[in-house]
Amino acid sequence: CIRDRRNQEVVDLERMLARGEIDLAVTIPEFIDPSLESQLLYREEYVCAVRQSHPIRSSRVSMDRFLKYDHVLVSPSEGQFRGPVDDVLARHQRQRRVPLSVPSFLLLLQILQTDDLIALVPKRLLTGHKHSLRIIRPPIDVPGFDVIAAWHSRSNQDAAHQWIRDKLAEVSAALK
C-alpha cells in the first residue's frame, strides 16, 4: 500500500495498475512505486487564494497580515489541520490559525468565496475561478510539487494509451 508523507493510506496504485483495474493514474511521484512507467505532466506551485472582496487588496501580503486571517486547508482523509505551509512556518517560528479542514479542493474553492479566509492552493486549480477568487503571492516559499501520469509497462505500446498520455501532456502544457 502506498502512503503519503503523514503515513496515511492513499491507494495501492501499483496493484491496481498491475491488475488492469485502472489504466492511468494522475498523481504525485511520492504516491507511486518507482517500477511504474511515468511522465512528468507539470510542476505545480502554491499561491494564496482569497475571495475578490477580501480585505487584502494587494498582490503581495506581509507575514503578519498573512497570519492575521484564518486559514482553510484540504485534507482528503482524517481531517488534518496541518500541511506543508505549517512546516515552512515552523521553520520561521510562526504558526497560522486553521479552524477549517475540508476533504476536497472543489469544496475549498466554494468556501473561500464566503468569508475572509486564506488558503494556499495549487496555482492551476484557480484556472476558471479568477472572477470569484484573487491570487496573492504568499510571504513564504512553500515547495511546489510535480504532477505525473503513471501506468503499467504493458501499456507502453498501446496506441490508445499513448494517445491519452499525449493529450494529458498537451493539456497540462496549455494550463501554465
N, C-alpha and C. Protein backbone atom coordinates (compact mmCIF):
# COMPACT_ATOMS: atom_id res chain seq x y z
N CYS A 1 0.83 -1.18 0.00
CA CYS A 1 0.00 0.00 0.00
C CYS A 1 0.89 1.25 0.00
N ILE A 2 0.53 2.23 -0.78
CA ILE A 2 1.30 3.46 -0.86
C ILE A 2 0.75 4.44 0.18
N ARG A 3 1.65 5.11 0.86
CA ARG A 3 1.24 6.05 1.90
C ARG A 3 1.83 7.42 1.60
N ASP A 4 1.10 8.45 2.05
CA ASP A 4 1.64 9.80 1.85
C ASP A 4 2.58 10.14 2.99
N ARG A 5 3.08 11.41 3.02
CA ARG A 5 4.09 11.83 3.98
C ARG A 5 3.64 11.69 5.43
N ARG A 6 2.37 11.72 5.68
CA ARG A 6 1.86 11.60 7.06
C ARG A 6 1.50 10.15 7.37
N ASN A 7 1.95 9.23 6.51
CA ASN A 7 1.72 7.79 6.69
C ASN A 7 0.24 7.43 6.61
N GLN A 8 -0.53 8.21 5.89
CA GLN A 8 -1.94 7.89 5.68
C GLN A 8 -2.05 7.04 4.42
N GLU A 9 -2.95 6.12 4.45
CA GLU A 9 -3.17 5.29 3.27
C GLU A 9 -3.74 6.15 2.15
N VAL A 10 -3.15 6.07 0.98
CA VAL A 10 -3.65 6.82 -0.17
C VAL A 10 -4.37 5.84 -1.09
N VAL A 11 -3.63 5.00 -1.77
CA VAL A 11 -4.25 4.00 -2.63
C VAL A 11 -3.14 3.07 -3.11
N ASP A 12 -3.48 1.85 -3.38
CA ASP A 12 -2.49 0.88 -3.86
C ASP A 12 -2.44 0.95 -5.39
N LEU A 13 -1.83 2.01 -5.89
CA LEU A 13 -1.80 2.23 -7.34
C LEU A 13 -1.07 1.13 -8.09
N GLU A 14 0.06 0.68 -7.56
CA GLU A 14 0.85 -0.34 -8.24
C GLU A 14 0.02 -1.60 -8.50
N ARG A 15 -0.68 -2.07 -7.48
CA ARG A 15 -1.51 -3.26 -7.61
C ARG A 15 -2.65 -3.03 -8.60
N MET A 16 -3.31 -1.88 -8.50
CA MET A 16 -4.44 -1.60 -9.37
C MET A 16 -4.00 -1.48 -10.84
N LEU A 17 -2.86 -0.85 -11.06
CA LEU A 17 -2.34 -0.75 -12.42
C LEU A 17 -1.90 -2.11 -12.94
N ALA A 18 -1.25 -2.92 -12.10
CA ALA A 18 -0.78 -4.25 -12.50
C ALA A 18 -1.95 -5.16 -12.85
N ARG A 19 -3.05 -5.06 -12.13
CA ARG A 19 -4.23 -5.89 -12.38
C ARG A 19 -5.12 -5.35 -13.50
N GLY A 20 -4.82 -4.17 -13.98
CA GLY A 20 -5.64 -3.57 -15.02
C GLY A 20 -6.93 -2.97 -14.47
N GLU A 21 -7.00 -2.77 -13.15
CA GLU A 21 -8.18 -2.14 -12.56
C GLU A 21 -8.27 -0.67 -12.94
N ILE A 22 -7.11 -0.05 -13.12
CA ILE A 22 -7.03 1.30 -13.67
C ILE A 22 -5.94 1.29 -14.74
N ASP A 23 -6.08 2.14 -15.71
CA ASP A 23 -5.12 2.19 -16.82
C ASP A 23 -4.06 3.27 -16.63
N LEU A 24 -4.45 4.35 -15.98
CA LEU A 24 -3.57 5.50 -15.88
C LEU A 24 -3.90 6.25 -14.59
N ALA A 25 -2.87 6.70 -13.90
CA ALA A 25 -3.08 7.47 -12.67
C ALA A 25 -2.39 8.83 -12.84
N VAL A 26 -3.10 9.89 -12.50
CA VAL A 26 -2.50 11.21 -12.43
C VAL A 26 -2.31 11.49 -10.95
N THR A 27 -1.04 11.65 -10.55
CA THR A 27 -0.71 11.69 -9.14
C THR A 27 0.60 12.45 -8.93
N ILE A 28 1.16 12.30 -7.75
CA ILE A 28 2.48 12.87 -7.47
C ILE A 28 3.46 11.71 -7.32
N PRO A 29 4.75 11.92 -7.61
CA PRO A 29 5.71 10.81 -7.59
C PRO A 29 5.77 10.05 -6.27
N GLU A 30 5.54 10.73 -5.16
CA GLU A 30 5.61 10.06 -3.86
C GLU A 30 4.55 8.99 -3.68
N PHE A 31 3.49 9.02 -4.49
CA PHE A 31 2.40 8.07 -4.33
C PHE A 31 2.50 6.86 -5.25
N ILE A 32 3.59 6.77 -6.03
CA ILE A 32 3.72 5.61 -6.92
C ILE A 32 5.02 4.87 -6.66
N ASP A 33 5.04 3.63 -7.04
CA ASP A 33 6.23 2.82 -6.96
C ASP A 33 7.14 3.19 -8.13
N PRO A 34 8.44 3.33 -7.90
CA PRO A 34 9.36 3.70 -8.99
C PRO A 34 9.41 2.70 -10.14
N SER A 35 8.89 1.49 -9.93
CA SER A 35 8.90 0.50 -11.02
C SER A 35 7.85 0.80 -12.09
N LEU A 36 6.90 1.68 -11.79
CA LEU A 36 5.88 2.03 -12.77
C LEU A 36 6.44 3.01 -13.80
N GLU A 37 5.88 2.97 -14.98
CA GLU A 37 6.22 3.95 -16.01
C GLU A 37 5.57 5.28 -15.60
N SER A 38 6.24 6.38 -15.92
CA SER A 38 5.64 7.68 -15.59
C SER A 38 6.14 8.76 -16.52
N GLN A 39 5.39 9.85 -16.55
CA GLN A 39 5.72 11.00 -17.39
C GLN A 39 5.37 12.26 -16.60
N LEU A 40 6.30 13.20 -16.52
CA LEU A 40 6.02 14.47 -15.86
C LEU A 40 5.01 15.24 -16.69
N LEU A 41 3.93 15.66 -16.04
CA LEU A 41 2.93 16.49 -16.72
C LEU A 41 3.22 17.97 -16.48
N TYR A 42 3.49 18.33 -15.22
CA TYR A 42 3.84 19.71 -14.91
C TYR A 42 4.38 19.82 -13.49
N ARG A 43 5.02 20.95 -13.25
CA ARG A 43 5.48 21.31 -11.91
C ARG A 43 4.52 22.36 -11.39
N GLU A 44 3.98 22.10 -10.22
CA GLU A 44 2.97 22.98 -9.64
C GLU A 44 3.57 23.86 -8.56
N GLU A 45 3.03 25.06 -8.41
CA GLU A 45 3.44 25.95 -7.34
C GLU A 45 2.21 26.36 -6.53
N TYR A 46 2.47 26.75 -5.28
CA TYR A 46 1.38 27.20 -4.41
C TYR A 46 1.25 28.72 -4.47
N VAL A 47 0.01 29.19 -4.43
CA VAL A 47 -0.30 30.61 -4.31
C VAL A 47 -1.38 30.77 -3.26
N CYS A 48 -1.50 31.98 -2.72
CA CYS A 48 -2.60 32.28 -1.80
C CYS A 48 -3.83 32.60 -2.63
N ALA A 49 -4.95 32.14 -2.16
CA ALA A 49 -6.22 32.47 -2.80
C ALA A 49 -7.15 33.06 -1.75
N VAL A 50 -7.81 34.15 -2.14
CA VAL A 50 -8.80 34.81 -1.28
C VAL A 50 -9.97 35.22 -2.16
N ARG A 51 -11.10 35.50 -1.55
CA ARG A 51 -12.25 35.96 -2.34
C ARG A 51 -11.98 37.37 -2.86
N GLN A 52 -12.70 37.73 -3.90
CA GLN A 52 -12.50 39.03 -4.54
C GLN A 52 -12.68 40.19 -3.56
N SER A 53 -13.60 40.07 -2.62
CA SER A 53 -13.87 41.17 -1.68
C SER A 53 -13.07 41.05 -0.38
N HIS A 54 -12.05 40.24 -0.36
CA HIS A 54 -11.21 40.07 0.84
C HIS A 54 -10.53 41.40 1.17
N PRO A 55 -10.35 41.71 2.47
CA PRO A 55 -9.69 42.97 2.86
C PRO A 55 -8.25 43.12 2.35
N ILE A 56 -7.55 42.03 2.09
CA ILE A 56 -6.21 42.14 1.50
C ILE A 56 -6.40 42.50 0.03
N ARG A 57 -5.96 43.69 -0.33
CA ARG A 57 -6.19 44.19 -1.68
C ARG A 57 -4.97 44.11 -2.59
N SER A 58 -3.78 43.97 -2.05
CA SER A 58 -2.57 43.97 -2.88
C SER A 58 -2.25 42.56 -3.37
N SER A 59 -1.32 42.48 -4.32
CA SER A 59 -0.95 41.17 -4.86
C SER A 59 0.12 40.48 -4.01
N ARG A 60 0.64 41.19 -3.02
CA ARG A 60 1.60 40.62 -2.06
C ARG A 60 1.04 40.85 -0.67
N VAL A 61 1.48 40.01 0.27
CA VAL A 61 0.99 40.15 1.64
C VAL A 61 2.16 39.94 2.60
N SER A 62 2.21 40.73 3.67
CA SER A 62 3.25 40.57 4.68
C SER A 62 2.95 39.33 5.52
N MET A 63 3.96 38.84 6.21
CA MET A 63 3.77 37.67 7.08
C MET A 63 2.73 37.96 8.15
N ASP A 64 2.80 39.12 8.80
CA ASP A 64 1.84 39.44 9.86
C ASP A 64 0.41 39.48 9.33
N ARG A 65 0.22 40.08 8.19
CA ARG A 65 -1.12 40.17 7.60
C ARG A 65 -1.60 38.78 7.16
N PHE A 66 -0.70 38.00 6.61
CA PHE A 66 -0.99 36.62 6.19
C PHE A 66 -1.50 35.80 7.37
N LEU A 67 -0.88 36.01 8.52
CA LEU A 67 -1.25 35.23 9.72
C LEU A 67 -2.42 35.83 10.48
N LYS A 68 -2.83 37.03 10.15
CA LYS A 68 -3.96 37.69 10.82
C LYS A 68 -5.28 36.99 10.53
N TYR A 69 -5.40 36.42 9.34
CA TYR A 69 -6.66 35.81 8.90
C TYR A 69 -6.65 34.30 9.14
N ASP A 70 -7.86 33.76 9.33
CA ASP A 70 -8.00 32.31 9.47
C ASP A 70 -7.71 31.65 8.11
N HIS A 71 -7.13 30.46 8.21
CA HIS A 71 -6.79 29.69 7.01
C HIS A 71 -7.67 28.46 6.92
N VAL A 72 -7.80 27.95 5.72
CA VAL A 72 -8.50 26.70 5.45
C VAL A 72 -7.58 25.86 4.60
N LEU A 73 -7.60 24.55 4.82
CA LEU A 73 -6.76 23.68 4.01
C LEU A 73 -7.51 22.43 3.61
N VAL A 74 -6.94 21.73 2.64
CA VAL A 74 -7.53 20.48 2.15
C VAL A 74 -6.81 19.33 2.80
N SER A 75 -7.60 18.43 3.36
CA SER A 75 -7.08 17.19 3.92
C SER A 75 -8.02 16.07 3.47
N PRO A 76 -7.62 15.30 2.45
CA PRO A 76 -8.51 14.29 1.89
C PRO A 76 -8.97 13.21 2.87
N SER A 77 -8.16 12.95 3.90
CA SER A 77 -8.58 11.93 4.87
C SER A 77 -8.19 12.35 6.27
N GLU A 78 -8.98 11.95 7.21
CA GLU A 78 -8.75 12.15 8.64
C GLU A 78 -8.77 13.60 9.10
N GLY A 79 -9.20 14.55 8.29
CA GLY A 79 -9.37 15.92 8.72
C GLY A 79 -8.16 16.56 9.37
N GLN A 80 -7.01 16.40 8.76
CA GLN A 80 -5.78 17.00 9.30
C GLN A 80 -5.88 18.53 9.24
N PHE A 81 -5.29 19.19 10.22
CA PHE A 81 -5.28 20.65 10.27
C PHE A 81 -3.86 21.18 10.12
N ARG A 82 -3.01 20.40 9.50
CA ARG A 82 -1.61 20.76 9.29
C ARG A 82 -1.21 20.31 7.89
N GLY A 83 -0.39 21.14 7.24
CA GLY A 83 0.06 20.81 5.90
C GLY A 83 1.45 21.37 5.65
N PRO A 84 1.89 21.39 4.39
CA PRO A 84 3.24 21.85 4.06
C PRO A 84 3.49 23.31 4.47
N VAL A 85 2.45 24.13 4.45
CA VAL A 85 2.59 25.53 4.86
C VAL A 85 3.03 25.61 6.32
N ASP A 86 2.45 24.76 7.14
CA ASP A 86 2.77 24.78 8.57
C ASP A 86 4.22 24.37 8.83
N ASP A 87 4.74 23.45 8.03
CA ASP A 87 6.14 23.06 8.17
C ASP A 87 7.07 24.24 7.86
N VAL A 88 6.74 24.99 6.82
CA VAL A 88 7.56 26.16 6.46
C VAL A 88 7.43 27.24 7.54
N LEU A 89 6.22 27.49 8.00
CA LEU A 89 6.02 28.49 9.06
C LEU A 89 6.79 28.12 10.32
N ALA A 90 6.81 26.84 10.67
CA ALA A 90 7.53 26.40 11.88
C ALA A 90 9.01 26.72 11.78
N ARG A 91 9.57 26.62 10.60
CA ARG A 91 10.99 26.98 10.42
C ARG A 91 11.23 28.47 10.66
N HIS A 92 10.17 29.28 10.50
CA HIS A 92 10.24 30.72 10.77
C HIS A 92 9.73 31.03 12.19
N GLN A 93 9.48 29.99 12.96
CA GLN A 93 8.94 30.10 14.32
C GLN A 93 7.62 30.88 14.36
N ARG A 94 6.78 30.57 13.39
CA ARG A 94 5.45 31.19 13.29
C ARG A 94 4.43 30.07 13.12
N GLN A 95 3.18 30.39 13.35
CA GLN A 95 2.11 29.44 13.07
C GLN A 95 0.86 30.19 12.66
N ARG A 96 -0.01 29.49 11.97
CA ARG A 96 -1.26 30.07 11.49
C ARG A 96 -2.43 29.43 12.21
N ARG A 97 -3.59 30.09 12.12
CA ARG A 97 -4.84 29.52 12.64
C ARG A 97 -5.56 28.81 11.49
N VAL A 98 -5.85 27.54 11.71
CA VAL A 98 -6.56 26.75 10.68
C VAL A 98 -7.80 26.15 11.34
N PRO A 99 -8.88 26.92 11.39
CA PRO A 99 -10.10 26.40 12.03
C PRO A 99 -10.92 25.46 11.15
N LEU A 100 -10.53 25.33 9.87
CA LEU A 100 -11.35 24.55 8.95
C LEU A 100 -10.47 23.71 8.03
N SER A 101 -10.81 22.44 7.94
CA SER A 101 -10.15 21.50 7.04
C SER A 101 -11.25 20.84 6.21
N VAL A 102 -11.08 20.83 4.90
CA VAL A 102 -12.10 20.27 4.01
C VAL A 102 -11.50 19.11 3.21
N PRO A 103 -12.34 18.18 2.73
CA PRO A 103 -11.82 17.00 2.05
C PRO A 103 -11.46 17.17 0.58
N SER A 104 -11.82 18.31 -0.05
CA SER A 104 -11.52 18.43 -1.48
C SER A 104 -11.26 19.89 -1.86
N PHE A 105 -10.51 20.05 -2.95
CA PHE A 105 -10.24 21.40 -3.45
C PHE A 105 -11.50 22.05 -4.00
N LEU A 106 -12.43 21.27 -4.56
CA LEU A 106 -13.66 21.85 -5.08
C LEU A 106 -14.45 22.52 -3.96
N LEU A 107 -14.53 21.87 -2.83
CA LEU A 107 -15.21 22.46 -1.68
C LEU A 107 -14.45 23.67 -1.16
N LEU A 108 -13.14 23.58 -1.13
CA LEU A 108 -12.31 24.69 -0.67
C LEU A 108 -12.58 25.95 -1.47
N LEU A 109 -12.63 25.83 -2.79
CA LEU A 109 -12.87 26.99 -3.64
C LEU A 109 -14.21 27.64 -3.36
N GLN A 110 -15.21 26.84 -3.03
CA GLN A 110 -16.53 27.39 -2.68
C GLN A 110 -16.49 28.10 -1.33
N ILE A 111 -15.84 27.50 -0.37
CA ILE A 111 -15.76 28.08 0.98
C ILE A 111 -14.98 29.39 0.97
N LEU A 112 -13.92 29.46 0.19
CA LEU A 112 -13.13 30.69 0.12
C LEU A 112 -13.96 31.89 -0.31
N GLN A 113 -15.00 31.66 -1.08
CA GLN A 113 -15.84 32.74 -1.59
C GLN A 113 -16.82 33.28 -0.55
N THR A 114 -16.91 32.63 0.61
CA THR A 114 -17.93 33.00 1.59
C THR A 114 -17.41 33.79 2.78
N ASP A 115 -16.09 33.87 2.97
CA ASP A 115 -15.56 34.52 4.17
C ASP A 115 -14.15 35.04 3.89
N ASP A 116 -13.60 35.76 4.85
CA ASP A 116 -12.27 36.33 4.69
C ASP A 116 -11.18 35.34 5.09
N LEU A 117 -11.26 34.15 4.54
CA LEU A 117 -10.28 33.10 4.77
C LEU A 117 -9.15 33.21 3.76
N ILE A 118 -8.04 32.54 4.06
CA ILE A 118 -6.91 32.43 3.13
C ILE A 118 -6.61 30.94 2.96
N ALA A 119 -6.22 30.57 1.76
CA ALA A 119 -5.77 29.20 1.52
C ALA A 119 -4.60 29.23 0.55
N LEU A 120 -3.63 28.38 0.79
CA LEU A 120 -2.58 28.16 -0.20
C LEU A 120 -3.04 26.98 -1.04
N VAL A 121 -3.09 27.22 -2.34
CA VAL A 121 -3.63 26.22 -3.25
C VAL A 121 -2.71 26.08 -4.46
N PRO A 122 -2.76 24.95 -5.13
CA PRO A 122 -2.02 24.81 -6.39
C PRO A 122 -2.52 25.86 -7.39
N LYS A 123 -1.60 26.57 -8.01
CA LYS A 123 -1.95 27.68 -8.91
C LYS A 123 -2.89 27.26 -10.03
N ARG A 124 -2.67 26.09 -10.63
CA ARG A 124 -3.51 25.65 -11.75
C ARG A 124 -4.94 25.40 -11.32
N LEU A 125 -5.15 25.16 -10.05
CA LEU A 125 -6.50 24.93 -9.56
C LEU A 125 -7.39 26.16 -9.74
N LEU A 126 -6.79 27.33 -9.80
CA LEU A 126 -7.56 28.57 -9.89
C LEU A 126 -7.96 28.94 -11.31
N THR A 127 -7.51 28.17 -12.29
CA THR A 127 -7.92 28.41 -13.67
C THR A 127 -9.44 28.33 -13.74
N GLY A 128 -10.05 29.36 -14.27
CA GLY A 128 -11.51 29.37 -14.36
C GLY A 128 -12.20 29.94 -13.13
N HIS A 129 -11.44 30.31 -12.09
CA HIS A 129 -12.04 30.86 -10.88
C HIS A 129 -11.57 32.28 -10.60
N LYS A 130 -10.91 32.89 -11.56
CA LYS A 130 -10.34 34.22 -11.33
C LYS A 130 -11.40 35.31 -11.21
N HIS A 131 -12.63 35.03 -11.60
CA HIS A 131 -13.72 36.00 -11.43
C HIS A 131 -14.20 36.04 -9.98
N SER A 132 -14.02 34.96 -9.25
CA SER A 132 -14.51 34.90 -7.87
C SER A 132 -13.40 34.87 -6.82
N LEU A 133 -12.18 34.55 -7.23
CA LEU A 133 -11.05 34.46 -6.30
C LEU A 133 -9.87 35.27 -6.83
N ARG A 134 -9.08 35.81 -5.91
CA ARG A 134 -7.88 36.55 -6.29
C ARG A 134 -6.65 35.78 -5.84
N ILE A 135 -5.59 35.93 -6.60
CA ILE A 135 -4.31 35.29 -6.27
C ILE A 135 -3.43 36.33 -5.58
N ILE A 136 -2.83 35.91 -4.49
CA ILE A 136 -1.90 36.74 -3.73
C ILE A 136 -0.61 35.96 -3.57
N ARG A 137 0.50 36.64 -3.73
CA ARG A 137 1.80 35.98 -3.54
C ARG A 137 2.01 35.74 -2.04
N PRO A 138 2.27 34.50 -1.63
CA PRO A 138 2.46 34.22 -0.21
C PRO A 138 3.77 34.83 0.30
N PRO A 139 3.83 35.15 1.60
CA PRO A 139 5.05 35.73 2.17
C PRO A 139 6.13 34.70 2.47
N ILE A 140 5.84 33.44 2.20
CA ILE A 140 6.79 32.35 2.43
C ILE A 140 6.86 31.51 1.17
N ASP A 141 7.97 30.83 1.00
CA ASP A 141 8.12 29.91 -0.12
C ASP A 141 7.76 28.51 0.33
N VAL A 142 6.66 28.01 -0.18
CA VAL A 142 6.22 26.65 0.10
C VAL A 142 6.60 25.82 -1.11
N PRO A 143 7.39 24.76 -0.91
CA PRO A 143 7.81 23.96 -2.07
C PRO A 143 6.61 23.44 -2.86
N GLY A 144 6.71 23.56 -4.17
CA GLY A 144 5.67 23.03 -5.04
C GLY A 144 5.83 21.52 -5.18
N PHE A 145 5.22 20.98 -6.20
CA PHE A 145 5.26 19.53 -6.40
C PHE A 145 5.10 19.21 -7.87
N ASP A 146 5.55 18.02 -8.24
CA ASP A 146 5.39 17.52 -9.60
C ASP A 146 4.11 16.72 -9.71
N VAL A 147 3.45 16.84 -10.83
CA VAL A 147 2.28 16.02 -11.14
C VAL A 147 2.67 15.15 -12.33
N ILE A 148 2.43 13.86 -12.19
CA ILE A 148 2.83 12.90 -13.21
C ILE A 148 1.66 12.03 -13.65
N ALA A 149 1.82 11.43 -14.80
CA ALA A 149 0.93 10.34 -15.23
C ALA A 149 1.73 9.06 -15.01
N ALA A 150 1.10 8.05 -14.46
CA ALA A 150 1.78 6.77 -14.20
C ALA A 150 0.93 5.63 -14.77
N TRP A 151 1.63 4.60 -15.28
CA TRP A 151 0.94 3.47 -15.88
C TRP A 151 1.83 2.23 -15.80
N HIS A 152 1.22 1.09 -16.05
CA HIS A 152 1.95 -0.18 -16.07
C HIS A 152 2.66 -0.31 -17.42
N SER A 153 3.82 -0.94 -17.43
CA SER A 153 4.63 -1.05 -18.65
C SER A 153 3.93 -1.80 -19.79
N ARG A 154 2.95 -2.65 -19.49
CA ARG A 154 2.27 -3.38 -20.57
C ARG A 154 1.49 -2.42 -21.48
N SER A 155 1.26 -1.20 -21.02
CA SER A 155 0.51 -0.22 -21.82
C SER A 155 1.41 0.68 -22.66
N ASN A 156 2.72 0.48 -22.58
CA ASN A 156 3.65 1.37 -23.29
C ASN A 156 3.36 1.49 -24.77
N GLN A 157 3.08 0.39 -25.45
CA GLN A 157 2.92 0.39 -26.90
C GLN A 157 1.46 0.49 -27.35
N ASP A 158 0.53 0.52 -26.42
CA ASP A 158 -0.89 0.59 -26.77
C ASP A 158 -1.19 1.97 -27.36
N ALA A 159 -1.72 2.00 -28.59
CA ALA A 159 -1.95 3.27 -29.30
C ALA A 159 -2.93 4.18 -28.57
N ALA A 160 -4.01 3.63 -28.05
CA ALA A 160 -4.99 4.45 -27.34
C ALA A 160 -4.36 5.03 -26.06
N HIS A 161 -3.58 4.23 -25.39
CA HIS A 161 -2.92 4.67 -24.17
C HIS A 161 -1.91 5.77 -24.47
N GLN A 162 -1.15 5.59 -25.54
CA GLN A 162 -0.20 6.63 -25.96
C GLN A 162 -0.92 7.92 -26.30
N TRP A 163 -2.07 7.80 -26.96
CA TRP A 163 -2.85 8.97 -27.35
C TRP A 163 -3.31 9.74 -26.11
N ILE A 164 -3.86 9.04 -25.12
CA ILE A 164 -4.36 9.73 -23.93
C ILE A 164 -3.21 10.36 -23.15
N ARG A 165 -2.05 9.70 -23.10
CA ARG A 165 -0.88 10.30 -22.44
C ARG A 165 -0.44 11.56 -23.15
N ASP A 166 -0.44 11.52 -24.49
CA ASP A 166 -0.08 12.70 -25.26
C ASP A 166 -1.07 13.84 -25.02
N LYS A 167 -2.36 13.53 -24.96
CA LYS A 167 -3.38 14.55 -24.71
C LYS A 167 -3.23 15.14 -23.31
N LEU A 168 -2.95 14.31 -22.33
CA LEU A 168 -2.71 14.81 -20.96
C LEU A 168 -1.53 15.78 -20.94
N ALA A 169 -0.46 15.42 -21.62
CA ALA A 169 0.72 16.28 -21.68
C ALA A 169 0.39 17.60 -22.38
N GLU A 170 -0.38 17.51 -23.46
CA GLU A 170 -0.77 18.71 -24.22
C GLU A 170 -1.62 19.65 -23.39
N VAL A 171 -2.62 19.11 -22.72
CA VAL A 171 -3.49 19.93 -21.87
C VAL A 171 -2.72 20.52 -20.70
N SER A 172 -1.86 19.73 -20.11
CA SER A 172 -1.06 20.21 -18.98
C SER A 172 -0.16 21.36 -19.39
N ALA A 173 0.45 21.26 -20.54
CA ALA A 173 1.33 22.33 -21.04
C ALA A 173 0.53 23.61 -21.31
N ALA A 174 -0.70 23.46 -21.74
CA ALA A 174 -1.53 24.63 -22.07
C ALA A 174 -2.04 25.36 -20.83
N LEU A 175 -2.03 24.72 -19.69
CA LEU A 175 -2.58 25.33 -18.46
C LEU A 175 -1.53 26.02 -17.59
N LYS A 176 -0.54 26.59 -18.17
CA LYS A 176 0.51 27.26 -17.39
C LYS A 176 0.03 28.48 -16.72
